[in-house]
């Protein structure tokens, strides 16, 4: 009898959850439609001119009357947001019911259309929560990906979000690890960094990007009688490959690169299945060593990458400076 009751309970539980999700979806869709249409109506009063001199009067008047009639939710500020919602998404089919009004409130803060479209697509594709959207925007994810994208990929970022086709698409420069319990300008070891990453694995997976799952840390490799321990091992289901990350303090050395090559070759020959793609290795350090990386790795390298991390959210100026430094390094080494 108890087993039957348990079975019925779980069935009912799934029915309740499914019904609630359907109700939420319907309510969310209707709310977005309502706010979009309110924004449209306001713009029609203003004859399509957001900056019309009488715009404030229109919003104040409508706010007072709507609040009197329907209560909270129709402040002047909210009506401004609804107007902006319509301006940014003038074609109703571009409004996705997969996102909540809270998502759109964050997207409305992004003035540049390509950047806004990128974050919208990523929210849908990666199912970001509002908090995850805020974090990725604050960490300048779009700008960081833009720095490493060629001209063809710049437009694709806006239209499709981040698309993973090969190993280099997994790499950002820098990776931003502001969520770790490590303050800058303090002494810490690679083991401290690894420990903190494992304690904040959910946040680290978000920073790595889409499609990652955690395999293990210090996963032992044995070659004859010698044991080796890559710091972190992940699997990316979109690229269908293992991703090995080694954490380094200071500059990357040729020994670090050689060790990573060994890890990648071992996984390719002993671990990966025939239908899977080549293993990707990422050396994550505080400082890159461009010349050593260039002359240690083969010219046709497509699977081992050296990049940096930082423990605070970057500013746009910091990214600009990083780009200028990269250009100087490139010119010196070519």
Protein backbone atom coordinates (compact mmCIF):
# COMPACT_ATOMS: atom_id res chain seq x y z
CA UNK A 1 0.00 0.00 0.00
CA UNK A 2 2.79 2.44 0.92
CA UNK A 3 4.46 1.83 -2.43
CA UNK A 4 1.22 2.58 -4.23
CA UNK A 5 0.75 5.78 -2.23
CA UNK A 6 4.34 6.83 -3.01
CA UNK A 7 3.75 6.19 -6.70
CA UNK A 8 0.53 8.22 -6.69
CA UNK A 9 2.22 11.00 -4.69
CA UNK A 10 5.06 11.35 -7.22
CA UNK A 11 2.56 11.36 -10.11
CA UNK A 12 0.52 14.11 -8.46
CA UNK A 13 3.69 16.03 -7.66
CA UNK A 14 4.69 16.03 -11.34
CA UNK A 15 1.17 17.10 -12.34
CA UNK A 16 1.28 20.05 -9.91
CA UNK A 17 4.76 21.13 -11.08
CA UNK A 18 3.75 20.82 -14.75
CA UNK A 19 0.54 22.78 -14.16
CA UNK A 20 2.35 25.54 -12.27
CA UNK A 21 4.94 25.84 -15.04
CA UNK A 22 2.18 26.15 -17.65
CA UNK A 23 0.40 28.81 -15.58
CA UNK A 24 3.66 30.74 -15.13
CA UNK A 25 4.36 30.54 -18.86
CA UNK A 26 0.90 31.84 -19.76
CA UNK A 27 1.03 34.62 -17.16
CA UNK A 28 4.55 35.65 -18.26
CA UNK A 29 3.54 35.75 -21.93
CA UNK A 30 0.46 37.85 -21.18
CA UNK A 31 2.49 40.23 -19.00
CA UNK A 32 5.08 40.77 -21.74
CA UNK A 33 2.31 41.33 -24.30
CA UNK A 34 0.63 43.82 -21.99
CA UNK A 35 3.78 45.82 -21.31
CA UNK A 36 4.75 45.80 -25.00
CA UNK A 37 1.32 47.08 -26.01
CA UNK A 38 1.37 49.77 -23.31
CA UNK A 39 4.76 50.91 -24.62
CA UNK A 40 3.37 50.94 -28.16
CA UNK A 41 0.34 53.01 -27.09
CA UNK A 42 2.57 55.56 -25.37
CA UNK A 43 4.79 55.89 -28.44
CA UNK A 44 1.73 56.38 -30.63
CA UNK A 45 0.65 59.29 -28.41
CA UNK A 46 4.15 60.71 -28.83
CA UNK A 47 4.02 60.06 -32.60
CA UNK A 48 7.06 57.80 -32.38
CA UNK A 49 9.24 60.49 -30.81
CA UNK A 50 10.66 59.26 -27.51
CA UNK A 51 12.07 62.70 -26.75
CA UNK A 52 8.89 64.67 -27.47
CA UNK A 53 8.71 67.70 -25.18
CA UNK A 54 5.36 66.59 -23.80
CA UNK A 55 6.59 63.04 -23.06
CA UNK A 56 6.94 63.62 -19.31
CA UNK A 57 3.44 65.07 -19.13
CA UNK A 58 2.04 62.02 -20.94
CA UNK A 59 3.76 59.61 -18.56
CA UNK A 60 2.80 61.57 -15.42
CA UNK A 61 -0.84 61.82 -16.47
CA UNK A 62 -1.13 58.16 -17.46
CA UNK A 63 0.67 57.02 -14.30
CA UNK A 64 -1.73 58.87 -12.02
CA UNK A 65 -4.83 57.60 -13.79
CA UNK A 66 -3.65 53.99 -14.19
CA UNK A 67 -2.48 53.81 -10.56
CA UNK A 68 -5.85 55.17 -9.41
CA UNK A 69 -7.64 52.57 -11.51
CA UNK A 70 -5.43 49.47 -11.09
CA UNK A 71 -3.10 50.15 -8.15
CA UNK A 72 0.65 49.58 -8.07
CA UNK A 73 2.75 48.75 -11.10
CA UNK A 74 2.10 51.84 -13.22
CA UNK A 75 4.53 54.38 -11.83
CA UNK A 76 6.08 56.86 -14.22
CA UNK A 77 9.33 54.89 -14.02
CA UNK A 78 7.59 51.65 -14.99
CA UNK A 79 5.80 53.32 -17.88
CA UNK A 80 9.17 54.63 -19.10
CA UNK A 81 10.47 51.06 -19.05
CA UNK A 82 7.46 49.81 -21.02
CA UNK A 83 8.02 52.55 -23.58
CA UNK A 84 11.67 51.59 -23.86
CA UNK A 85 10.66 47.93 -24.12
CA UNK A 86 8.63 48.74 -27.23
CA UNK A 87 11.38 50.99 -28.67
CA UNK A 88 14.06 48.30 -28.28
CA UNK A 89 11.77 45.51 -29.50
CA UNK A 90 9.41 47.20 -31.99
CA UNK A 91 8.54 43.90 -33.68
CA UNK A 92 6.49 41.77 -31.32
CA UNK A 93 7.92 38.51 -32.66
CA UNK A 94 11.36 39.52 -31.36
CA UNK A 95 10.04 39.35 -27.80
CA UNK A 96 10.73 35.90 -26.36
CA UNK A 97 8.35 34.47 -23.77
CA UNK A 98 11.27 32.29 -22.60
CA UNK A 99 12.52 35.36 -20.72
CA UNK A 100 10.83 37.08 -17.82
CA UNK A 101 10.09 40.77 -17.44
CA UNK A 102 12.98 40.87 -14.96
CA UNK A 103 15.31 39.64 -17.73
CA UNK A 104 14.05 42.38 -20.02
CA UNK A 105 14.56 45.04 -17.35
CA UNK A 106 18.25 44.08 -17.34
CA UNK A 107 18.43 44.00 -21.14
CA UNK A 108 16.88 47.47 -21.32
CA UNK A 109 19.95 48.81 -19.52
CA UNK A 110 22.09 47.90 -22.55
CA UNK A 111 21.92 50.68 -25.11
CA UNK A 112 24.00 49.08 -27.90
CA UNK A 113 21.77 46.82 -29.99
CA UNK A 114 24.42 44.20 -30.95
CA UNK A 115 25.43 43.76 -27.30
CA UNK A 116 21.78 43.62 -26.18
CA UNK A 117 20.96 40.97 -28.79
CA UNK A 118 23.99 38.93 -27.72
CA UNK A 119 22.92 38.84 -24.07
CA UNK A 120 19.32 38.10 -25.03
CA UNK A 121 20.41 35.13 -27.16
CA UNK A 122 22.70 33.86 -24.43
CA UNK A 123 19.90 34.11 -21.86
CA UNK A 124 17.70 31.95 -24.08
CA UNK A 125 20.36 29.49 -25.24
CA UNK A 126 22.06 29.02 -21.87
CA UNK A 127 18.92 29.54 -19.74
CA UNK A 128 20.57 32.20 -17.60
CA UNK A 129 18.80 33.38 -14.52
CA UNK A 130 18.51 37.14 -14.03
CA UNK A 131 21.39 36.98 -11.56
CA UNK A 132 23.57 35.12 -14.07
CA UNK A 133 22.73 37.69 -16.73
CA UNK A 134 23.74 40.50 -14.36
CA UNK A 135 27.02 38.79 -13.55
CA UNK A 136 27.94 38.12 -17.17
CA UNK A 137 27.11 41.67 -18.20
CA UNK A 138 29.08 43.10 -15.27
CA UNK A 139 32.07 40.92 -16.19
CA UNK A 140 31.96 42.34 -19.75
CA UNK A 141 31.53 38.92 -21.32
CA UNK A 142 30.50 40.38 -24.69
CA UNK A 143 33.56 42.63 -24.84
CA UNK A 144 35.90 39.81 -23.83
CA UNK A 145 34.54 37.51 -26.51
CA UNK A 146 34.65 40.34 -29.00
CA UNK A 147 38.38 40.78 -28.43
CA UNK A 148 39.11 37.22 -29.53
CA UNK A 149 36.61 37.12 -32.39
CA UNK A 150 37.48 37.66 -36.04
CA UNK A 151 35.36 39.98 -38.17
CA UNK A 152 33.02 37.20 -39.27
CA UNK A 153 32.30 36.18 -35.69
CA UNK A 154 31.51 39.70 -34.49
CA UNK A 155 28.16 39.71 -36.28
CA UNK A 156 27.52 36.11 -35.30
CA UNK A 157 27.92 37.00 -31.62
CA UNK A 158 25.08 39.46 -31.96
CA UNK A 159 22.81 37.29 -34.07
CA UNK A 160 23.35 33.89 -32.43
CA UNK A 161 25.24 34.40 -29.20
CA UNK A 162 28.43 32.44 -28.52
CA UNK A 163 28.83 29.59 -31.02
CA UNK A 164 31.28 26.79 -30.22
CA UNK A 165 32.92 25.16 -33.23
CA UNK A 166 36.50 24.50 -32.13
CA UNK A 167 38.78 24.61 -29.12
CA UNK A 168 39.73 28.28 -29.37
CA UNK A 169 36.06 29.24 -29.02
CA UNK A 170 36.26 28.10 -25.39
CA UNK A 171 38.96 30.62 -24.53
CA UNK A 172 38.38 34.08 -23.09
CA UNK A 173 41.13 36.52 -22.25
CA UNK A 174 40.92 37.22 -19.43
CA UNK A 175 38.81 34.78 -17.47
CA UNK A 176 37.21 36.73 -14.62
CA UNK A 177 37.17 34.97 -11.23
CA UNK A 178 35.87 37.74 -9.00
CA UNK A 179 33.61 35.26 -7.18
CA UNK A 180 36.57 33.51 -5.52
CA UNK A 181 37.50 34.15 -1.90
CA UNK A 182 40.91 35.51 -2.87
CA UNK A 183 41.86 39.16 -2.68
CA UNK A 184 44.27 40.63 -5.19
CA UNK A 185 47.73 41.64 -4.05
CA UNK A 186 47.77 38.85 -1.47
CA UNK A 187 50.00 35.79 -1.47
CA UNK A 188 48.25 32.57 -2.49
CA UNK A 189 49.27 29.26 -3.99
CA UNK A 190 47.99 27.39 -7.02
CA UNK A 191 46.42 24.94 -4.56
CA UNK A 192 44.52 27.85 -2.94
CA UNK A 193 43.20 28.89 -6.33
CA UNK A 194 42.13 25.33 -7.14
CA UNK A 195 40.45 24.89 -3.76
CA UNK A 196 38.48 28.12 -4.18
CA UNK A 197 37.41 27.19 -7.70
CA UNK A 198 36.03 23.86 -6.43
CA UNK A 199 34.17 25.67 -3.64
CA UNK A 200 32.61 27.97 -6.26
CA UNK A 201 32.24 25.38 -9.00
CA UNK A 202 28.81 26.58 -10.14
CA UNK A 203 30.14 30.11 -10.71
CA UNK A 204 33.27 28.77 -12.40
CA UNK A 205 31.19 26.68 -14.80
CA UNK A 206 29.21 29.79 -15.68
CA UNK A 207 32.43 31.65 -16.42
CA UNK A 208 33.76 28.78 -18.54
CA UNK A 209 30.67 29.03 -20.72
CA UNK A 210 28.05 26.74 -22.18
CA UNK A 211 28.17 22.98 -22.36
CA UNK A 212 30.65 22.28 -19.55
CA UNK A 213 30.40 19.54 -16.96
CA UNK A 214 32.89 18.80 -14.20
CA UNK A 215 34.90 15.57 -14.39
CA UNK A 216 37.39 15.92 -11.53
CA UNK A 217 40.45 17.60 -10.05
CA UNK A 218 43.93 16.18 -9.60
CA UNK A 219 42.86 13.25 -11.82
CA UNK A 220 45.85 10.91 -11.77
CA UNK A 221 47.61 9.89 -14.98
CA UNK A 222 50.14 7.09 -14.72
CA UNK A 223 52.93 6.67 -17.26
CA UNK A 224 54.95 3.58 -16.34
CA UNK A 225 55.80 4.32 -12.70
CA UNK A 226 55.33 8.10 -12.81
CA UNK A 227 52.12 9.81 -11.71
CA UNK A 228 50.85 13.17 -12.99
CA UNK A 229 47.90 15.23 -11.80
CA UNK A 230 46.14 17.77 -14.06
CA UNK A 231 44.50 20.44 -11.90
CA UNK A 232 41.00 20.42 -13.38
CA UNK A 233 39.27 18.23 -15.97
CA UNK A 234 35.96 19.09 -17.63
CA UNK A 235 33.92 17.78 -20.53
CA UNK A 236 32.20 19.98 -23.08
CA UNK A 237 29.15 18.26 -24.52
CA UNK A 238 28.78 20.77 -27.37
CA UNK A 239 32.30 20.23 -28.72
CA UNK A 240 32.27 16.63 -27.51
CA UNK A 241 35.72 16.85 -26.00
CA UNK A 242 37.60 16.80 -22.72
CA UNK A 243 39.01 20.12 -21.49
CA UNK A 244 42.02 20.10 -19.18
CA UNK A 245 42.87 23.24 -17.21
CA UNK A 246 46.14 23.78 -15.38
CA UNK A 247 46.44 26.72 -12.99
CA UNK A 248 49.71 28.63 -12.95
CA UNK A 249 51.14 31.50 -10.95
CA UNK A 250 53.26 34.05 -12.79
CA UNK A 251 54.38 33.43 -16.36
CA UNK A 252 53.77 30.25 -18.29
CA UNK A 253 57.00 28.34 -18.99
CA UNK A 254 57.91 25.92 -21.77
CA UNK A 255 57.84 23.16 -19.12
CA UNK A 256 54.20 24.05 -18.36
CA UNK A 257 53.35 23.87 -22.06
CA UNK A 258 55.18 20.57 -22.50
CA UNK A 259 53.34 19.08 -19.56
CA UNK A 260 50.00 20.21 -20.97
CA UNK A 261 50.89 18.66 -24.33
CA UNK A 262 51.51 15.37 -22.53
CA UNK A 263 48.13 15.59 -20.77
CA UNK A 264 46.32 16.31 -24.04
CA UNK A 265 48.10 13.49 -25.91
CA UNK A 266 47.36 11.04 -23.08
CA UNK A 267 43.63 11.87 -23.07
CA UNK A 268 43.46 11.68 -26.87
CA UNK A 269 45.14 8.27 -26.97
CA UNK A 270 43.84 6.64 -23.80
CA UNK A 271 40.62 8.30 -22.65
CA UNK A 272 38.57 9.83 -25.48
CA UNK A 273 36.29 7.68 -27.62
CA UNK A 274 36.61 7.48 -31.42
CA UNK A 275 33.50 9.59 -31.96
CA UNK A 276 34.78 12.37 -29.65
CA UNK A 277 36.92 15.32 -30.68
CA UNK A 278 40.48 16.13 -29.67
CA UNK A 279 41.16 17.18 -26.09
CA UNK A 280 41.61 20.89 -25.37
CA UNK A 281 44.22 22.13 -22.91
CA UNK A 282 44.08 25.56 -21.27
CA UNK A 283 46.91 27.04 -19.22
CA UNK A 284 45.31 29.61 -16.94
CA UNK A 285 47.86 31.99 -15.44
CA UNK A 286 48.31 35.48 -14.04
CA UNK A 287 50.69 36.39 -16.89
CA UNK A 288 51.02 35.00 -20.40
CA UNK A 289 54.40 34.46 -22.01
CA UNK A 290 53.58 35.03 -25.67
CA UNK A 291 57.05 34.35 -27.08
CA UNK A 292 57.54 31.08 -25.20
CA UNK A 293 54.02 29.92 -26.16
CA UNK A 294 54.65 30.81 -29.81
CA UNK A 295 57.90 28.87 -30.13
CA UNK A 296 56.94 25.89 -27.96
CA UNK A 297 53.67 25.04 -29.69
CA UNK A 298 53.51 23.99 -33.36
CA UNK A 299 52.30 26.60 -35.85
CA UNK A 300 49.19 24.58 -36.61
CA UNK A 301 48.26 24.22 -32.93
CA UNK A 302 44.51 24.13 -32.43
CA UNK A 303 44.14 22.50 -29.05
CA UNK A 304 46.42 24.09 -26.43
CA UNK A 305 45.91 27.66 -25.29
CA UNK A 306 47.46 30.03 -22.79
CA UNK A 307 45.27 32.72 -21.28
CA UNK A 308 45.05 34.83 -18.14
CA UNK A 309 42.68 35.26 -15.24
CA UNK A 310 41.97 38.17 -12.94
CA UNK A 311 40.28 38.36 -9.56
CA UNK A 312 38.22 41.50 -10.12
CA UNK A 313 35.65 42.68 -12.64
CA UNK A 314 37.45 44.44 -15.50
CA UNK A 315 36.65 47.93 -16.69
CA UNK A 316 36.32 48.76 -20.37
CA UNK A 317 39.55 50.77 -20.10
CA UNK A 318 41.37 47.71 -18.76
CA UNK A 319 40.16 45.70 -21.74
CA UNK A 320 41.29 48.44 -24.14
CA UNK A 321 44.72 48.43 -22.48
CA UNK A 322 44.86 44.63 -22.78
CA UNK A 323 44.08 44.85 -26.49
CA UNK A 324 46.83 47.43 -27.03
CA UNK A 325 49.32 45.21 -25.20
CA UNK A 326 48.29 42.22 -27.31
CA UNK A 327 48.87 44.26 -30.49
CA UNK A 328 52.34 45.30 -29.30
CA UNK A 329 53.24 41.70 -28.47
CA UNK A 330 51.99 40.55 -31.86
CA UNK A 331 54.06 43.19 -33.68
CA UNK A 332 57.17 42.31 -31.70
CA UNK A 333 56.83 38.60 -32.38
CA UNK A 334 55.99 38.80 -36.10
